[in-house]
Amino acid sequence: MCGEGAGFGPRGDDCNVRPACARTGQIAGWVYNRRMDQQLIIKFWRKSLADEAFLATIEDELKAVLGKTVELEGYDVSAKEINLFMLTADPRHSFRRAKDILEGKGIHNGMSAAFRLVGGAKFTSIWPLRSTRKFTLP
């Protein structure tokens, strides 16, 4: 069984826990039980959006795809941009899954994304790739 052998090491850490079973490739349950201590922000640039109708349904679609791996926090709307906030334990993985939904709606070119520790000030940009623009909030 994949969960066998997983547990806490002699120092009390989780050094014996592996993220996936080598035989089946299934992700171990502990991945989904980690603390959501990262805040993922997806920024939509208003001038690049054809319309903003997708906002009415995007939260439900993201919730259906991401499930319990994220906690949607809501929006911050300004004249130039719309920021969608979510808490997650794995921001890169959550963004990849959310990006599939946004690509389906044709809005992936008018967005950028970054994450930070909850309450932190330093952002790590993850989209667009090789972005030279510094991610900021209004």
N, C-alpha and C. Protein backbone atom coordinates (compact mmCIF):
# COMPACT_ATOMS: atom_id res chain seq x y z
N MET A 1 0.82 -1.19 0.00
CA MET A 1 0.00 0.00 0.00
C MET A 1 0.86 1.24 0.00
N CYS A 2 0.41 2.33 -0.61
CA CYS A 2 1.23 3.52 -0.75
C CYS A 2 1.48 4.23 0.56
N GLY A 3 0.57 4.18 1.49
CA GLY A 3 0.73 4.90 2.74
C GLY A 3 1.65 4.20 3.71
N GLU A 4 2.00 2.94 3.44
CA GLU A 4 2.86 2.21 4.34
C GLU A 4 4.25 2.81 4.35
N GLY A 5 4.85 2.88 5.52
CA GLY A 5 6.19 3.43 5.63
C GLY A 5 6.19 4.93 5.80
N ALA A 6 5.07 5.58 5.57
CA ALA A 6 5.01 7.03 5.74
C ALA A 6 4.80 7.33 7.21
N GLY A 7 5.45 8.35 7.68
CA GLY A 7 5.29 8.72 9.08
C GLY A 7 6.32 9.75 9.48
N PHE A 8 6.43 9.98 10.74
CA PHE A 8 7.35 10.98 11.22
C PHE A 8 8.69 10.36 11.54
N GLY A 9 9.74 11.07 11.18
CA GLY A 9 11.10 10.61 11.43
C GLY A 9 11.46 10.75 12.90
N PRO A 10 12.65 10.33 13.25
CA PRO A 10 13.08 10.35 14.65
C PRO A 10 13.16 11.75 15.23
N ARG A 11 13.29 12.76 14.40
CA ARG A 11 13.37 14.13 14.88
C ARG A 11 12.00 14.79 14.96
N GLY A 12 10.94 14.08 14.61
CA GLY A 12 9.61 14.65 14.62
C GLY A 12 9.22 15.29 13.30
N ASP A 13 10.12 15.22 12.31
CA ASP A 13 9.78 15.80 11.01
C ASP A 13 9.13 14.74 10.13
N ASP A 14 8.73 15.15 8.96
CA ASP A 14 8.05 14.21 8.06
C ASP A 14 8.99 13.75 6.95
N CYS A 15 10.25 13.46 7.32
CA CYS A 15 11.25 13.11 6.31
C CYS A 15 10.95 11.78 5.63
N ASN A 16 10.12 10.93 6.21
CA ASN A 16 9.81 9.65 5.60
C ASN A 16 8.59 9.69 4.68
N VAL A 17 7.94 10.83 4.59
CA VAL A 17 6.72 10.93 3.79
C VAL A 17 7.11 11.28 2.36
N ARG A 18 6.58 10.52 1.42
CA ARG A 18 6.83 10.80 0.01
C ARG A 18 5.57 11.38 -0.61
N PRO A 19 5.71 12.31 -1.57
CA PRO A 19 4.53 12.94 -2.16
C PRO A 19 3.71 12.02 -3.05
N ALA A 20 4.30 10.99 -3.61
CA ALA A 20 3.52 10.11 -4.49
C ALA A 20 4.02 8.68 -4.36
N CYS A 21 3.14 7.78 -4.61
CA CYS A 21 3.48 6.36 -4.58
C CYS A 21 4.30 6.04 -5.84
N ALA A 22 5.45 5.39 -5.65
CA ALA A 22 6.31 5.08 -6.79
C ALA A 22 5.65 4.09 -7.74
N ARG A 23 4.80 3.22 -7.20
CA ARG A 23 4.17 2.18 -8.01
C ARG A 23 2.99 2.71 -8.81
N THR A 24 2.08 3.47 -8.17
CA THR A 24 0.86 3.89 -8.85
C THR A 24 0.86 5.35 -9.28
N GLY A 25 1.76 6.15 -8.70
CA GLY A 25 1.80 7.57 -9.04
C GLY A 25 0.75 8.39 -8.32
N GLN A 26 -0.03 7.77 -7.44
CA GLN A 26 -1.07 8.51 -6.73
C GLN A 26 -0.44 9.41 -5.68
N ILE A 27 -1.01 10.59 -5.53
CA ILE A 27 -0.51 11.54 -4.55
C ILE A 27 -0.99 11.12 -3.17
N ALA A 28 -0.08 11.16 -2.22
CA ALA A 28 -0.43 10.79 -0.85
C ALA A 28 -1.39 11.81 -0.26
N GLY A 29 -2.24 11.37 0.65
CA GLY A 29 -3.25 12.23 1.24
C GLY A 29 -2.70 13.43 1.99
N TRP A 30 -1.48 13.35 2.52
CA TRP A 30 -0.93 14.46 3.30
C TRP A 30 -0.74 15.72 2.48
N VAL A 31 -0.59 15.58 1.16
CA VAL A 31 -0.42 16.77 0.31
C VAL A 31 -1.63 17.69 0.42
N TYR A 32 -2.81 17.10 0.49
CA TYR A 32 -4.01 17.90 0.55
C TYR A 32 -4.33 18.38 1.95
N ASN A 33 -3.61 17.89 2.94
CA ASN A 33 -3.86 18.29 4.31
C ASN A 33 -2.86 19.33 4.80
N ARG A 34 -1.98 19.79 3.93
CA ARG A 34 -1.01 20.81 4.33
C ARG A 34 -1.71 22.13 4.56
N ARG A 35 -1.09 22.97 5.38
CA ARG A 35 -1.66 24.28 5.65
C ARG A 35 -1.66 25.14 4.40
N MET A 36 -2.73 25.88 4.21
CA MET A 36 -2.82 26.81 3.09
C MET A 36 -2.18 28.12 3.53
N ASP A 37 -0.85 28.17 3.46
CA ASP A 37 -0.13 29.34 3.94
C ASP A 37 0.40 30.22 2.81
N GLN A 38 0.01 29.92 1.58
CA GLN A 38 0.40 30.72 0.42
C GLN A 38 -0.83 31.40 -0.17
N GLN A 39 -0.65 32.64 -0.62
CA GLN A 39 -1.73 33.36 -1.27
C GLN A 39 -1.38 33.48 -2.75
N LEU A 40 -2.21 32.91 -3.60
CA LEU A 40 -2.05 32.99 -5.05
C LEU A 40 -2.93 34.12 -5.55
N ILE A 41 -2.34 35.01 -6.35
CA ILE A 41 -3.08 36.14 -6.91
C ILE A 41 -3.00 36.05 -8.42
N ILE A 42 -4.16 36.04 -9.07
CA ILE A 42 -4.22 36.07 -10.53
C ILE A 42 -4.77 37.44 -10.91
N LYS A 43 -3.97 38.16 -11.69
CA LYS A 43 -4.31 39.53 -12.09
C LYS A 43 -4.80 39.53 -13.53
N PHE A 44 -5.98 40.09 -13.75
CA PHE A 44 -6.54 40.26 -15.09
C PHE A 44 -6.43 41.73 -15.45
N TRP A 45 -5.74 42.04 -16.55
CA TRP A 45 -5.61 43.42 -17.01
C TRP A 45 -6.87 43.79 -17.77
N ARG A 46 -7.59 44.78 -17.29
CA ARG A 46 -8.91 45.13 -17.86
C ARG A 46 -8.84 45.52 -19.33
N LYS A 47 -7.80 46.25 -19.75
CA LYS A 47 -7.75 46.70 -21.14
C LYS A 47 -7.56 45.54 -22.11
N SER A 48 -7.07 44.39 -21.64
CA SER A 48 -6.89 43.24 -22.53
C SER A 48 -8.09 42.30 -22.55
N LEU A 49 -9.09 42.58 -21.72
CA LEU A 49 -10.28 41.72 -21.66
C LEU A 49 -11.34 42.21 -22.65
N ALA A 50 -11.89 41.31 -23.43
CA ALA A 50 -12.99 41.67 -24.35
C ALA A 50 -14.22 42.09 -23.54
N ASP A 51 -14.51 41.34 -22.49
CA ASP A 51 -15.58 41.69 -21.56
C ASP A 51 -15.29 41.03 -20.22
N GLU A 52 -16.06 41.35 -19.24
CA GLU A 52 -15.83 40.82 -17.90
C GLU A 52 -16.94 39.86 -17.47
N ALA A 53 -17.65 39.32 -18.43
CA ALA A 53 -18.76 38.41 -18.14
C ALA A 53 -18.29 37.12 -17.46
N PHE A 54 -17.03 36.74 -17.72
CA PHE A 54 -16.52 35.50 -17.13
C PHE A 54 -16.45 35.56 -15.60
N LEU A 55 -16.40 36.76 -15.04
CA LEU A 55 -16.29 36.90 -13.58
C LEU A 55 -17.49 36.30 -12.84
N ALA A 56 -18.63 36.31 -13.48
CA ALA A 56 -19.85 35.79 -12.83
C ALA A 56 -19.76 34.29 -12.58
N THR A 57 -19.05 33.57 -13.42
CA THR A 57 -19.02 32.11 -13.30
C THR A 57 -17.65 31.53 -12.97
N ILE A 58 -16.61 32.34 -13.02
CA ILE A 58 -15.26 31.80 -12.87
C ILE A 58 -15.02 31.16 -11.49
N GLU A 59 -15.58 31.75 -10.44
CA GLU A 59 -15.37 31.18 -9.11
C GLU A 59 -15.94 29.77 -9.00
N ASP A 60 -17.13 29.55 -9.53
CA ASP A 60 -17.74 28.22 -9.47
C ASP A 60 -16.93 27.21 -10.29
N GLU A 61 -16.43 27.64 -11.45
CA GLU A 61 -15.65 26.74 -12.28
C GLU A 61 -14.31 26.39 -11.63
N LEU A 62 -13.68 27.39 -11.03
CA LEU A 62 -12.42 27.13 -10.34
C LEU A 62 -12.62 26.21 -9.14
N LYS A 63 -13.68 26.44 -8.41
CA LYS A 63 -13.99 25.61 -7.24
C LYS A 63 -14.22 24.16 -7.67
N ALA A 64 -14.89 23.96 -8.81
CA ALA A 64 -15.15 22.61 -9.30
C ALA A 64 -13.85 21.90 -9.67
N VAL A 65 -12.90 22.62 -10.25
CA VAL A 65 -11.65 22.01 -10.68
C VAL A 65 -10.66 21.88 -9.53
N LEU A 66 -10.54 22.90 -8.70
CA LEU A 66 -9.53 22.92 -7.65
C LEU A 66 -9.98 22.27 -6.35
N GLY A 67 -11.29 22.21 -6.15
CA GLY A 67 -11.83 21.56 -4.96
C GLY A 67 -11.30 22.12 -3.66
N LYS A 68 -10.88 21.21 -2.78
CA LYS A 68 -10.42 21.60 -1.45
C LYS A 68 -8.95 21.99 -1.41
N THR A 69 -8.28 22.01 -2.56
CA THR A 69 -6.87 22.38 -2.57
C THR A 69 -6.68 23.89 -2.50
N VAL A 70 -7.75 24.65 -2.70
CA VAL A 70 -7.68 26.11 -2.56
C VAL A 70 -8.89 26.61 -1.79
N GLU A 71 -8.73 27.80 -1.26
CA GLU A 71 -9.83 28.51 -0.63
C GLU A 71 -9.93 29.86 -1.32
N LEU A 72 -10.99 30.08 -2.08
CA LEU A 72 -11.15 31.34 -2.81
C LEU A 72 -11.45 32.45 -1.81
N GLU A 73 -10.70 33.55 -1.92
CA GLU A 73 -10.85 34.68 -1.00
C GLU A 73 -11.66 35.82 -1.58
N GLY A 74 -11.72 35.93 -2.90
CA GLY A 74 -12.51 37.00 -3.51
C GLY A 74 -11.69 37.84 -4.47
N TYR A 75 -12.26 39.01 -4.80
CA TYR A 75 -11.69 39.90 -5.81
C TYR A 75 -11.31 41.24 -5.22
N ASP A 76 -10.40 41.91 -5.93
CA ASP A 76 -10.06 43.30 -5.69
C ASP A 76 -10.15 43.95 -7.07
N VAL A 77 -11.06 44.89 -7.24
CA VAL A 77 -11.30 45.49 -8.54
C VAL A 77 -10.86 46.94 -8.53
N SER A 78 -10.07 47.32 -9.54
CA SER A 78 -9.67 48.72 -9.71
C SER A 78 -9.90 49.11 -11.18
N ALA A 79 -9.57 50.32 -11.52
CA ALA A 79 -9.81 50.80 -12.88
C ALA A 79 -8.97 50.06 -13.92
N LYS A 80 -7.77 49.61 -13.55
CA LYS A 80 -6.87 48.97 -14.51
C LYS A 80 -6.82 47.45 -14.43
N GLU A 81 -7.19 46.90 -13.28
CA GLU A 81 -7.00 45.46 -13.10
C GLU A 81 -8.04 44.85 -12.17
N ILE A 82 -8.14 43.53 -12.26
CA ILE A 82 -8.99 42.74 -11.37
C ILE A 82 -8.09 41.65 -10.80
N ASN A 83 -8.00 41.57 -9.48
CA ASN A 83 -7.16 40.59 -8.83
C ASN A 83 -8.04 39.55 -8.15
N LEU A 84 -7.76 38.28 -8.43
CA LEU A 84 -8.45 37.16 -7.80
C LEU A 84 -7.50 36.54 -6.79
N PHE A 85 -7.96 36.42 -5.54
CA PHE A 85 -7.13 35.92 -4.44
C PHE A 85 -7.59 34.53 -4.02
N MET A 86 -6.63 33.64 -3.78
CA MET A 86 -6.95 32.33 -3.24
C MET A 86 -5.82 31.84 -2.34
N LEU A 87 -6.19 31.09 -1.31
CA LEU A 87 -5.23 30.47 -0.41
C LEU A 87 -4.98 29.05 -0.88
N THR A 88 -3.73 28.62 -0.79
CA THR A 88 -3.37 27.29 -1.24
C THR A 88 -2.08 26.83 -0.55
N ALA A 89 -1.87 25.55 -0.52
CA ALA A 89 -0.62 25.00 0.00
C ALA A 89 0.42 24.90 -1.12
N ASP A 90 -0.03 24.82 -2.37
CA ASP A 90 0.87 24.65 -3.51
C ASP A 90 0.44 25.61 -4.63
N PRO A 91 0.93 26.85 -4.60
CA PRO A 91 0.46 27.86 -5.57
C PRO A 91 0.78 27.54 -7.03
N ARG A 92 1.91 26.94 -7.29
CA ARG A 92 2.27 26.64 -8.68
C ARG A 92 1.32 25.59 -9.27
N HIS A 93 1.06 24.55 -8.51
CA HIS A 93 0.13 23.51 -8.97
C HIS A 93 -1.28 24.07 -9.13
N SER A 94 -1.72 24.85 -8.17
CA SER A 94 -3.06 25.44 -8.24
C SER A 94 -3.19 26.36 -9.45
N PHE A 95 -2.14 27.14 -9.73
CA PHE A 95 -2.20 28.02 -10.88
C PHE A 95 -2.26 27.24 -12.18
N ARG A 96 -1.46 26.18 -12.30
CA ARG A 96 -1.50 25.38 -13.54
C ARG A 96 -2.91 24.85 -13.80
N ARG A 97 -3.57 24.40 -12.77
CA ARG A 97 -4.93 23.87 -12.93
C ARG A 97 -5.92 24.99 -13.25
N ALA A 98 -5.77 26.15 -12.60
CA ALA A 98 -6.66 27.29 -12.87
C ALA A 98 -6.41 27.83 -14.28
N LYS A 99 -5.17 27.80 -14.72
CA LYS A 99 -4.82 28.32 -16.04
C LYS A 99 -5.55 27.56 -17.14
N ASP A 100 -5.75 26.27 -16.96
CA ASP A 100 -6.49 25.48 -17.96
C ASP A 100 -7.91 26.04 -18.14
N ILE A 101 -8.55 26.40 -17.05
CA ILE A 101 -9.90 26.99 -17.11
C ILE A 101 -9.85 28.34 -17.82
N LEU A 102 -8.87 29.17 -17.47
CA LEU A 102 -8.77 30.51 -18.04
C LEU A 102 -8.42 30.46 -19.53
N GLU A 103 -7.59 29.51 -19.92
CA GLU A 103 -7.28 29.34 -21.35
C GLU A 103 -8.53 28.98 -22.13
N GLY A 104 -9.38 28.15 -21.54
CA GLY A 104 -10.63 27.76 -22.19
C GLY A 104 -11.56 28.95 -22.43
N LYS A 105 -11.42 29.97 -21.60
CA LYS A 105 -12.23 31.18 -21.76
C LYS A 105 -11.53 32.23 -22.62
N GLY A 106 -10.30 31.94 -23.04
CA GLY A 106 -9.57 32.86 -23.92
C GLY A 106 -9.04 34.10 -23.22
N ILE A 107 -8.82 34.03 -21.92
CA ILE A 107 -8.35 35.23 -21.21
C ILE A 107 -6.95 35.07 -20.63
N HIS A 108 -6.24 34.01 -20.98
CA HIS A 108 -4.93 33.76 -20.40
C HIS A 108 -3.86 34.74 -20.85
N ASN A 109 -4.02 35.38 -21.99
CA ASN A 109 -3.02 36.34 -22.46
C ASN A 109 -3.09 37.67 -21.71
N GLY A 110 -4.22 37.99 -21.15
CA GLY A 110 -4.38 39.26 -20.45
C GLY A 110 -4.29 39.11 -18.95
N MET A 111 -3.41 38.22 -18.50
CA MET A 111 -3.31 38.02 -17.06
C MET A 111 -1.87 37.82 -16.64
N SER A 112 -1.64 37.98 -15.35
CA SER A 112 -0.36 37.63 -14.74
C SER A 112 -0.69 36.99 -13.40
N ALA A 113 0.27 36.29 -12.82
CA ALA A 113 0.02 35.61 -11.56
C ALA A 113 1.29 35.58 -10.72
N ALA A 114 1.08 35.60 -9.41
CA ALA A 114 2.18 35.53 -8.45
C ALA A 114 1.64 34.96 -7.15
N PHE A 115 2.56 34.59 -6.27
CA PHE A 115 2.15 34.14 -4.95
C PHE A 115 3.07 34.72 -3.89
N ARG A 116 2.61 34.65 -2.66
CA ARG A 116 3.38 35.11 -1.51
C ARG A 116 2.90 34.36 -0.27
N LEU A 117 3.69 34.41 0.77
CA LEU A 117 3.23 33.89 2.04
C LEU A 117 2.06 34.75 2.49
N VAL A 118 1.08 34.15 3.15
CA VAL A 118 -0.06 34.91 3.64
C VAL A 118 0.46 36.03 4.54
N GLY A 119 0.08 37.24 4.23
CA GLY A 119 0.52 38.40 4.99
C GLY A 119 1.88 38.93 4.59
N GLY A 120 2.55 38.25 3.66
CA GLY A 120 3.88 38.67 3.23
C GLY A 120 3.83 39.80 2.22
N ALA A 121 4.98 40.39 1.98
CA ALA A 121 5.07 41.51 1.05
C ALA A 121 5.81 41.15 -0.24
N LYS A 122 6.61 40.08 -0.22
CA LYS A 122 7.40 39.71 -1.38
C LYS A 122 6.64 38.72 -2.25
N PHE A 123 6.47 39.07 -3.53
CA PHE A 123 5.77 38.22 -4.49
C PHE A 123 6.76 37.41 -5.31
N THR A 124 6.37 36.19 -5.65
CA THR A 124 7.10 35.37 -6.60
C THR A 124 6.23 35.24 -7.83
N SER A 125 6.68 35.81 -8.94
CA SER A 125 5.91 35.81 -10.18
C SER A 125 5.98 34.43 -10.83
N ILE A 126 4.82 33.91 -11.29
CA ILE A 126 4.80 32.61 -11.96
C ILE A 126 4.20 32.66 -13.37
N TRP A 127 3.56 33.78 -13.72
CA TRP A 127 3.02 33.94 -15.08
C TRP A 127 2.94 35.41 -15.42
N PRO A 128 3.32 35.80 -16.60
CA PRO A 128 3.86 35.01 -17.69
C PRO A 128 5.28 34.54 -17.38
N LEU A 129 5.68 33.49 -18.05
CA LEU A 129 7.02 32.96 -17.85
C LEU A 129 8.05 33.99 -18.30
N ARG A 130 9.15 34.03 -17.59
CA ARG A 130 10.24 34.98 -17.88
C ARG A 130 9.76 36.43 -17.87
N SER A 131 8.86 36.71 -17.02
CA SER A 131 8.35 38.08 -16.93
C SER A 131 9.40 38.99 -16.29
N THR A 132 9.60 40.14 -16.88
CA THR A 132 10.51 41.12 -16.30
C THR A 132 9.75 42.13 -15.45
N ARG A 133 8.45 42.10 -15.56
CA ARG A 133 7.61 43.01 -14.79
C ARG A 133 7.53 42.54 -13.35
N LYS A 134 7.65 43.47 -12.45
CA LYS A 134 7.53 43.16 -11.03
C LYS A 134 6.05 43.12 -10.67
N PHE A 135 5.63 42.09 -9.98
CA PHE A 135 4.23 41.93 -9.61
C PHE A 135 3.94 42.83 -8.40
N THR A 136 2.90 43.65 -8.54
CA THR A 136 2.48 44.54 -7.44
C THR A 136 0.96 44.55 -7.36
N LEU A 137 0.47 44.95 -6.22
CA LEU A 137 -0.96 45.15 -6.03
C LEU A 137 -1.21 46.65 -5.89
N PRO A 138 -2.42 47.10 -6.26
CA PRO A 138 -2.69 48.54 -6.16
C PRO A 138 -2.72 49.01 -4.71
